[in-house]
Amino acid sequence: MGEHVTCALPKSESTWLGGVQMKDDDAISLREEVDRFKRELKEIPDPNCGRIQELKEKIRTNTLLTKQAIRETAERIAARFLGKE
């Protein structure tokens, strides 16, 4: 007298599950995209260690020009030319 019970997803869940499955085409396009990024990474130049060291030194000694420092300097120069200082 064994009863046979089938396990099935409700229709709404079975259609959702169908959308989740990955297609072979998606795997191929993902692989192609990864390969493209690998090629692009090879074209990026290595960092210029000398320039990085120079920037670190300027940051450490507070001599790195920032937009704010440039703006303030420009305002002071403009004030001198306009006779306000």
PDB file of N, CA and C in Angstrom:
ATOM      1  N   MET A   1       0.820  -1.178   0.000  1.00  0.00           N
ATOM      2  CA  MET A   1       0.000   0.000   0.000  1.00  0.00           C
ATOM      3  C   MET A   1       0.872   1.253   0.000  1.00  0.00           C
ATOM      4  N   GLY A   2       1.966   1.186  -0.581  1.00  0.00           N
ATOM      5  CA  GLY A   2       2.817   2.353  -0.570  1.00  0.00           C
ATOM      6  C   GLY A   2       2.261   3.463  -1.446  1.00  0.00           C
ATOM      7  N   GLU A   3       2.138   4.606  -0.845  1.00  0.00           N
ATOM      8  CA  GLU A   3       1.672   5.743  -1.613  1.00  0.00           C
ATOM      9  C   GLU A   3       2.867   6.394  -2.287  1.00  0.00           C
ATOM     10  N   HIS A   4       2.670   6.817  -3.483  1.00  0.00           N
ATOM     11  CA  HIS A   4       3.744   7.465  -4.238  1.00  0.00           C
ATOM     12  C   HIS A   4       3.479   8.970  -4.245  1.00  0.00           C
ATOM     13  N   VAL A   5       4.421   9.723  -3.673  1.00  0.00           N
ATOM     14  CA  VAL A   5       4.252  11.162  -3.595  1.00  0.00           C
ATOM     15  C   VAL A   5       5.274  11.791  -4.534  1.00  0.00           C
ATOM     16  N   THR A   6       4.803  12.604  -5.417  1.00  0.00           N
ATOM     17  CA  THR A   6       5.733  13.288  -6.310  1.00  0.00           C
ATOM     18  C   THR A   6       6.046  14.659  -5.737  1.00  0.00           C
ATOM     19  N   CYS A   7       7.293  15.037  -5.872  1.00  0.00           N
ATOM     20  CA  CYS A   7       7.696  16.365  -5.420  1.00  0.00           C
ATOM     21  C   CYS A   7       7.770  17.258  -6.646  1.00  0.00           C
ATOM     22  N   ALA A   8       6.996  18.275  -6.641  1.00  0.00           N
ATOM     23  CA  ALA A   8       7.004  19.198  -7.767  1.00  0.00           C
ATOM     24  C   ALA A   8       6.868  20.607  -7.230  1.00  0.00           C
ATOM     25  N   LEU A   9       7.542  21.501  -7.909  1.00  0.00           N
ATOM     26  CA  LEU A   9       7.427  22.909  -7.532  1.00  0.00           C
ATOM     27  C   LEU A   9       6.122  23.465  -8.064  1.00  0.00           C
ATOM     28  N   PRO A  10       5.554  24.386  -7.341  1.00  0.00           N
ATOM     29  CA  PRO A  10       4.373  25.060  -7.902  1.00  0.00           C
ATOM     30  C   PRO A  10       4.757  25.746  -9.211  1.00  0.00           C
ATOM     31  N   LYS A  11       3.775  25.973 -10.042  1.00  0.00           N
ATOM     32  CA  LYS A  11       4.055  26.554 -11.359  1.00  0.00           C
ATOM     33  C   LYS A  11       4.845  27.847 -11.267  1.00  0.00           C
ATOM     34  N   SER A  12       4.534  28.704 -10.311  1.00  0.00           N
ATOM     35  CA  SER A  12       5.239  29.981 -10.219  1.00  0.00           C
ATOM     36  C   SER A  12       6.715  29.759  -9.898  1.00  0.00           C
ATOM     37  N   GLU A  13       7.041  28.779  -9.063  1.00  0.00           N
ATOM     38  CA  GLU A  13       8.430  28.523  -8.720  1.00  0.00           C
ATOM     39  C   GLU A  13       9.162  27.790  -9.838  1.00  0.00           C
ATOM     40  N   SER A  14       8.467  26.933 -10.569  1.00  0.00           N
ATOM     41  CA  SER A  14       9.147  26.199 -11.640  1.00  0.00           C
ATOM     42  C   SER A  14       9.548  27.135 -12.774  1.00  0.00           C
ATOM     43  N   THR A  15       8.744  28.155 -13.045  1.00  0.00           N
ATOM     44  CA  THR A  15       9.141  29.104 -14.091  1.00  0.00           C
ATOM     45  C   THR A  15      10.298  29.959 -13.613  1.00  0.00           C
ATOM     46  N   TRP A  16      10.335  30.273 -12.328  1.00  0.00           N
ATOM     47  CA  TRP A  16      11.454  31.035 -11.769  1.00  0.00           C
ATOM     48  C   TRP A  16      12.725  30.215 -11.873  1.00  0.00           C
ATOM     49  N   LEU A  17      12.655  28.932 -11.543  1.00  0.00           N
ATOM     50  CA  LEU A  17      13.818  28.071 -11.585  1.00  0.00           C
ATOM     51  C   LEU A  17      14.348  27.947 -13.013  1.00  0.00           C
ATOM     52  N   GLY A  18      13.478  27.951 -13.986  1.00  0.00           N
ATOM     53  CA  GLY A  18      13.910  27.883 -15.377  1.00  0.00           C
ATOM     54  C   GLY A  18      14.741  29.083 -15.759  1.00  0.00           C
ATOM     55  N   GLY A  19      14.441  30.244 -15.185  1.00  0.00           N
ATOM     56  CA  GLY A  19      15.204  31.448 -15.475  1.00  0.00           C
ATOM     57  C   GLY A  19      16.550  31.478 -14.783  1.00  0.00           C
ATOM     58  N   VAL A  20      16.728  30.667 -13.748  1.00  0.00           N
ATOM     59  CA  VAL A  20      17.961  30.673 -12.989  1.00  0.00           C
ATOM     60  C   VAL A  20      19.033  29.820 -13.651  1.00  0.00           C
ATOM     61  N   GLN A  21      18.629  28.797 -14.366  1.00  0.00           N
ATOM     62  CA  GLN A  21      19.603  27.899 -14.971  1.00  0.00           C
ATOM     63  C   GLN A  21      20.464  28.635 -15.981  1.00  0.00           C
ATOM     64  N   MET A  22      21.762  28.332 -15.929  1.00  0.00           N
ATOM     65  CA  MET A  22      22.703  29.010 -16.810  1.00  0.00           C
ATOM     66  C   MET A  22      22.769  28.283 -18.144  1.00  0.00           C
ATOM     67  N   LYS A  23      22.774  29.033 -19.192  1.00  0.00           N
ATOM     68  CA  LYS A  23      22.848  28.455 -20.526  1.00  0.00           C
ATOM     69  C   LYS A  23      24.299  28.373 -20.960  1.00  0.00           C
ATOM     70  N   ASP A  24      24.586  27.482 -21.878  1.00  0.00           N
ATOM     71  CA  ASP A  24      25.950  27.346 -22.389  1.00  0.00           C
ATOM     72  C   ASP A  24      26.417  28.634 -23.051  1.00  0.00           C
ATOM     73  N   ASP A  25      25.522  29.325 -23.735  1.00  0.00           N
ATOM     74  CA  ASP A  25      25.895  30.581 -24.398  1.00  0.00           C
ATOM     75  C   ASP A  25      26.396  31.606 -23.384  1.00  0.00           C
ATOM     76  N   ASP A  26      25.761  31.638 -22.211  1.00  0.00           N
ATOM     77  CA  ASP A  26      26.177  32.580 -21.170  1.00  0.00           C
ATOM     78  C   ASP A  26      27.580  32.257 -20.684  1.00  0.00           C
ATOM     79  N   ALA A  27      27.893  30.976 -20.541  1.00  0.00           N
ATOM     80  CA  ALA A  27      29.221  30.568 -20.079  1.00  0.00           C
ATOM     81  C   ALA A  27      30.281  30.950 -21.099  1.00  0.00           C
ATOM     82  N   ILE A  28      29.970  30.809 -22.371  1.00  0.00           N
ATOM     83  CA  ILE A  28      30.923  31.164 -23.422  1.00  0.00           C
ATOM     84  C   ILE A  28      31.162  32.663 -23.433  1.00  0.00           C
ATOM     85  N   SER A  29      30.100  33.460 -23.337  1.00  0.00           N
ATOM     86  CA  SER A  29      30.267  34.908 -23.373  1.00  0.00           C
ATOM     87  C   SER A  29      31.010  35.394 -22.124  1.00  0.00           C
ATOM     88  N   LEU A  30      30.795  34.753 -20.981  1.00  0.00           N
ATOM     89  CA  LEU A  30      31.518  35.108 -19.769  1.00  0.00           C
ATOM     90  C   LEU A  30      33.005  34.801 -19.941  1.00  0.00           C
ATOM     91  N   ARG A  31      33.314  33.666 -20.506  1.00  0.00           N
ATOM     92  CA  ARG A  31      34.708  33.291 -20.745  1.00  0.00           C
ATOM     93  C   ARG A  31      35.372  34.275 -21.703  1.00  0.00           C
ATOM     94  N   GLU A  32      34.655  34.671 -22.755  1.00  0.00           N
ATOM     95  CA  GLU A  32      35.200  35.640 -23.708  1.00  0.00           C
ATOM     96  C   GLU A  32      35.450  36.978 -23.035  1.00  0.00           C
ATOM     97  N   GLU A  33      34.553  37.367 -22.151  1.00  0.00           N
ATOM     98  CA  GLU A  33      34.710  38.642 -21.450  1.00  0.00           C
ATOM     99  C   GLU A  33      35.915  38.596 -20.505  1.00  0.00           C
ATOM    100  N   VAL A  34      36.094  37.491 -19.803  1.00  0.00           N
ATOM    101  CA  VAL A  34      37.249  37.336 -18.923  1.00  0.00           C
ATOM    102  C   VAL A  34      38.536  37.385 -19.739  1.00  0.00           C
ATOM    103  N   ASP A  35      38.553  36.705 -20.882  1.00  0.00           N
ATOM    104  CA  ASP A  35      39.737  36.735 -21.754  1.00  0.00           C
ATOM    105  C   ASP A  35      40.034  38.157 -22.230  1.00  0.00           C
ATOM    106  N   ARG A  36      38.995  38.908 -22.547  1.00  0.00           N
ATOM    107  CA  ARG A  36      39.181  40.290 -22.999  1.00  0.00           C
ATOM    108  C   ARG A  36      39.812  41.133 -21.895  1.00  0.00           C
ATOM    109  N   PHE A  37      39.329  40.962 -20.669  1.00  0.00           N
ATOM    110  CA  PHE A  37      39.901  41.716 -19.547  1.00  0.00           C
ATOM    111  C   PHE A  37      41.349  41.318 -19.298  1.00  0.00           C
ATOM    112  N   LYS A  38      41.665  40.041 -19.465  1.00  0.00           N
ATOM    113  CA  LYS A  38      43.053  39.598 -19.290  1.00  0.00           C
ATOM    114  C   LYS A  38      43.962  40.261 -20.322  1.00  0.00           C
ATOM    115  N   ARG A  39      43.492  40.373 -21.564  1.00  0.00           N
ATOM    116  CA  ARG A  39      44.284  41.038 -22.603  1.00  0.00           C
ATOM    117  C   ARG A  39      44.472  42.513 -22.276  1.00  0.00           C
ATOM    118  N   GLU A  40      43.417  43.171 -21.806  1.00  0.00           N
ATOM    119  CA  GLU A  40      43.502  44.587 -21.469  1.00  0.00           C
ATOM    120  C   GLU A  40      44.449  44.820 -20.294  1.00  0.00           C
ATOM    121  N   LEU A  41      44.476  43.921 -19.326  1.00  0.00           N
ATOM    122  CA  LEU A  41      45.372  44.061 -18.180  1.00  0.00           C
ATOM    123  C   LEU A  41      46.835  44.023 -18.609  1.00  0.00           C
ATOM    124  N   LYS A  42      47.137  43.258 -19.626  1.00  0.00           N
ATOM    125  CA  LYS A  42      48.521  43.165 -20.108  1.00  0.00           C
ATOM    126  C   LYS A  42      48.987  44.487 -20.707  1.00  0.00           C
ATOM    127  N   GLU A  43      48.062  45.312 -21.185  1.00  0.00           N
ATOM    128  CA  GLU A  43      48.414  46.581 -21.823  1.00  0.00           C
ATOM    129  C   GLU A  43      48.612  47.716 -20.819  1.00  0.00           C
ATOM    130  N   ILE A  44      48.203  47.509 -19.563  1.00  0.00           N
ATOM    131  CA  ILE A  44      48.357  48.551 -18.546  1.00  0.00           C
ATOM    132  C   ILE A  44      49.815  48.569 -18.108  1.00  0.00           C
ATOM    133  N   PRO A  45      50.472  49.731 -18.159  1.00  0.00           N
ATOM    134  CA  PRO A  45      51.881  49.785 -17.780  1.00  0.00           C
ATOM    135  C   PRO A  45      52.071  49.577 -16.279  1.00  0.00           C
ATOM    136  N   ASP A  46      53.242  49.080 -15.925  1.00  0.00           N
ATOM    137  CA  ASP A  46      53.588  48.936 -14.518  1.00  0.00           C
ATOM    138  C   ASP A  46      53.687  50.316 -13.887  1.00  0.00           C
ATOM    139  N   PRO A  47      53.428  50.404 -12.587  1.00  0.00           N
ATOM    140  CA  PRO A  47      53.511  51.723 -11.943  1.00  0.00           C
ATOM    141  C   PRO A  47      54.943  52.246 -11.949  1.00  0.00           C
ATOM    142  N   ASN A  48      55.062  53.544 -12.047  1.00  0.00           N
ATOM    143  CA  ASN A  48      56.357  54.200 -12.012  1.00  0.00           C
ATOM    144  C   ASN A  48      56.732  54.367 -10.538  1.00  0.00           C
ATOM    145  N   CYS A  49      57.606  53.497 -10.057  1.00  0.00           N
ATOM    146  CA  CYS A  49      57.951  53.493  -8.630  1.00  0.00           C
ATOM    147  C   CYS A  49      58.586  54.807  -8.197  1.00  0.00           C
ATOM    148  N   GLY A  50      59.361  55.429  -9.070  1.00  0.00           N
ATOM    149  CA  GLY A  50      59.970  56.711  -8.740  1.00  0.00           C
ATOM    150  C   GLY A  50      58.920  57.781  -8.502  1.00  0.00           C
ATOM    151  N   ARG A  51      57.910  57.812  -9.358  1.00  0.00           N
ATOM    152  CA  ARG A  51      56.831  58.802  -9.228  1.00  0.00           C
ATOM    153  C   ARG A  51      56.024  58.551  -7.956  1.00  0.00           C
ATOM    154  N   ILE A  52      55.781  57.291  -7.648  1.00  0.00           N
ATOM    155  CA  ILE A  52      55.039  56.954  -6.432  1.00  0.00           C
ATOM    156  C   ILE A  52      55.815  57.417  -5.203  1.00  0.00           C
ATOM    157  N   GLN A  53      57.122  57.181  -5.200  1.00  0.00           N
ATOM    158  CA  GLN A  53      57.960  57.615  -4.079  1.00  0.00           C
ATOM    159  C   GLN A  53      57.946  59.134  -3.949  1.00  0.00           C
ATOM    160  N   GLU A  54      57.997  59.823  -5.096  1.00  0.00           N
ATOM    161  CA  GLU A  54      57.954  61.291  -5.101  1.00  0.00           C
ATOM    162  C   GLU A  54      56.646  61.797  -4.490  1.00  0.00           C
ATOM    163  N   LEU A  55      55.530  61.182  -4.867  1.00  0.00           N
ATOM    164  CA  LEU A  55      54.232  61.592  -4.329  1.00  0.00           C
ATOM    165  C   LEU A  55      54.147  61.312  -2.829  1.00  0.00           C
ATOM    166  N   LYS A  56      54.655  60.160  -2.403  1.00  0.00           N
ATOM    167  CA  LYS A  56      54.656  59.849  -0.968  1.00  0.00           C
ATOM    168  C   LYS A  56      55.447  60.892  -0.187  1.00  0.00           C
ATOM    169  N   GLU A  57      56.591  61.294  -0.732  1.00  0.00           N
ATOM    170  CA  GLU A  57      57.426  62.289  -0.072  1.00  0.00           C
ATOM    171  C   GLU A  57      56.710  63.636   0.010  1.00  0.00           C
ATOM    172  N   LYS A  58      56.036  64.031  -1.069  1.00  0.00           N
ATOM    173  CA  LYS A  58      55.293  65.297  -1.066  1.00  0.00           C
ATOM    174  C   LYS A  58      54.144  65.258  -0.066  1.00  0.00           C
ATOM    175  N   ILE A  59      53.485  64.114   0.047  1.00  0.00           N
ATOM    176  CA  ILE A  59      52.402  63.977   1.025  1.00  0.00           C
ATOM    177  C   ILE A  59      52.980  64.069   2.437  1.00  0.00           C
ATOM    178  N   ARG A  60      54.108  63.401   2.665  1.00  0.00           N
ATOM    179  CA  ARG A  60      54.736  63.401   3.984  1.00  0.00           C
ATOM    180  C   ARG A  60      55.187  64.808   4.400  1.00  0.00           C
ATOM    181  N   THR A  61      55.689  65.600   3.454  1.00  0.00           N
ATOM    182  CA  THR A  61      56.193  66.942   3.770  1.00  0.00           C
ATOM    183  C   THR A  61      55.159  68.036   3.542  1.00  0.00           C
ATOM    184  N   ASN A  62      53.933  67.642   3.239  1.00  0.00           N
ATOM    185  CA  ASN A  62      52.840  68.596   2.983  1.00  0.00           C
ATOM    186  C   ASN A  62      53.163  69.563   1.849  1.00  0.00           C
ATOM    187  N   THR A  63      53.857  69.114   0.828  1.00  0.00           N
ATOM    188  CA  THR A  63      54.149  69.969  -0.323  1.00  0.00           C
ATOM    189  C   THR A  63      53.376  69.538  -1.563  1.00  0.00           C
ATOM    190  N   LEU A  64      52.497  68.566  -1.407  1.00  0.00           N
ATOM    191  CA  LEU A  64      51.680  68.107  -2.533  1.00  0.00           C
ATOM    192  C   LEU A  64      50.603  69.149  -2.796  1.00  0.00           C
ATOM    193  N   LEU A  65      50.534  69.619  -4.035  1.00  0.00           N
ATOM    194  CA  LEU A  65      49.523  70.610  -4.386  1.00  0.00           C
ATOM    195  C   LEU A  65      48.159  69.942  -4.513  1.00  0.00           C
ATOM    196  N   THR A  66      47.207  70.503  -3.824  1.00  0.00           N
ATOM    197  CA  THR A  66      45.836  70.024  -3.940  1.00  0.00           C
ATOM    198  C   THR A  66      45.018  71.088  -4.654  1.00  0.00           C
ATOM    199  N   LYS A  67      43.840  70.720  -5.088  1.00  0.00           N
ATOM    200  CA  LYS A  67      42.967  71.703  -5.743  1.00  0.00           C
ATOM    201  C   LYS A  67      42.679  72.870  -4.816  1.00  0.00           C
ATOM    202  N   GLN A  68      42.501  72.571  -3.546  1.00  0.00           N
ATOM    203  CA  GLN A  68      42.212  73.632  -2.582  1.00  0.00           C
ATOM    204  C   GLN A  68      43.405  74.576  -2.455  1.00  0.00           C
ATOM    205  N   ALA A  69      44.632  74.023  -2.387  1.00  0.00           N
ATOM    206  CA  ALA A  69      45.824  74.866  -2.265  1.00  0.00           C
ATOM    207  C   ALA A  69      45.997  75.728  -3.507  1.00  0.00           C
ATOM    208  N   ILE A  70      45.755  75.152  -4.671  1.00  0.00           N
ATOM    209  CA  ILE A  70      45.863  75.902  -5.923  1.00  0.00           C
ATOM    210  C   ILE A  70      44.825  77.015  -5.953  1.00  0.00           C
ATOM    211  N   ARG A  71      43.608  76.720  -5.546  1.00  0.00           N
ATOM    212  CA  ARG A  71      42.525  77.713  -5.540  1.00  0.00           C
ATOM    213  C   ARG A  71      42.851  78.868  -4.580  1.00  0.00           C
ATOM    214  N   GLU A  72      43.330  78.522  -3.392  1.00  0.00           N
ATOM    215  CA  GLU A  72      43.666  79.566  -2.417  1.00  0.00           C
ATOM    216  C   GLU A  72      44.803  80.447  -2.932  1.00  0.00           C
ATOM    217  N   THR A  73      45.799  79.837  -3.561  1.00  0.00           N
ATOM    218  CA  THR A  73      46.911  80.601  -4.115  1.00  0.00           C
ATOM    219  C   THR A  73      46.424  81.524  -5.218  1.00  0.00           C
ATOM    220  N   ALA A  74      45.555  81.008  -6.081  1.00  0.00           N
ATOM    221  CA  ALA A  74      45.012  81.827  -7.164  1.00  0.00           C
ATOM    222  C   ALA A  74      44.214  83.009  -6.612  1.00  0.00           C
ATOM    223  N   GLU A  75      43.466  82.768  -5.542  1.00  0.00           N
ATOM    224  CA  GLU A  75      42.693  83.860  -4.934  1.00  0.00           C
ATOM    225  C   GLU A  75      43.618  84.929  -4.357  1.00  0.00           C
ATOM    226  N   ARG A  76      44.708  84.505  -3.718  1.00  0.00           N
ATOM    227  CA  ARG A  76      45.659  85.481  -3.163  1.00  0.00           C
ATOM    228  C   ARG A  76      46.336  86.288  -4.266  1.00  0.00           C
ATOM    229  N   ILE A  77      46.715  85.613  -5.360  1.00  0.00           N
ATOM    230  CA  ILE A  77      47.351  86.319  -6.493  1.00  0.00           C
ATOM    231  C   ILE A  77      46.357  87.313  -7.104  1.00  0.00           C
ATOM    232  N   ALA A  78      45.106  86.877  -7.275  1.00  0.00           N
ATOM    233  CA  ALA A  78      44.088  87.770  -7.838  1.00  0.00           C
ATOM    234  C   ALA A  78      43.867  88.968  -6.921  1.00  0.00           C
ATOM    235  N   ALA A  79      43.866  88.744  -5.624  1.00  0.00           N
ATOM    236  CA  ALA A  79      43.665  89.840  -4.682  1.00  0.00           C
ATOM    237  C   ALA A  79      44.816  90.839  -4.772  1.00  0.00           C
ATOM    238  N   ARG A  80      46.045  90.357  -4.938  1.00  0.00           N
ATOM    239  CA  ARG A  80      47.197  91.264  -5.090  1.00  0.00           C
ATOM    240  C   ARG A  80      47.072  92.113  -6.349  1.00  0.00           C
ATOM    241  N   PHE A  81      46.706  91.458  -7.460  1.00  0.00           N
ATOM    242  CA  PHE A  81      46.567  92.194  -8.713  1.00  0.00           C
ATOM    243  C   PHE A  81      45.447  93.215  -8.657  1.00  0.00           C
ATOM    244  N   LEU A  82      44.425  92.914  -7.901  1.00  0.00           N
ATOM    245  CA  LEU A  82      43.287  93.834  -7.783  1.00  0.00           C
ATOM    246  C   LEU A  82      43.505  94.865  -6.678  1.00  0.00           C
ATOM    247  N   GLY A  83      44.644  94.788  -5.994  1.00  0.00           N
ATOM    248  CA  GLY A  83      44.981  95.778  -4.976  1.00  0.00           C
ATOM    249  C   GLY A  83      44.229  95.604  -3.682  1.00  0.00           C
ATOM    250  N   LYS A  84      43.679  94.432  -3.445  1.00  0.00           N
ATOM    251  CA  LYS A  84      42.905  94.194  -2.231  1.00  0.00           C
ATOM    252  C   LYS A  84      43.782  93.666  -1.100  1.00  0.00           C
ATOM    253  N   GLU A  85      45.026  93.405  -1.379  1.00  0.00           N
ATOM    254  CA  GLU A  85      45.889  92.844  -0.341  1.00  0.00           C
ATOM    255  C   GLU A  85      47.048  93.721  -0.074  1.00  0.00           C
TER     256      GLU A  85
END
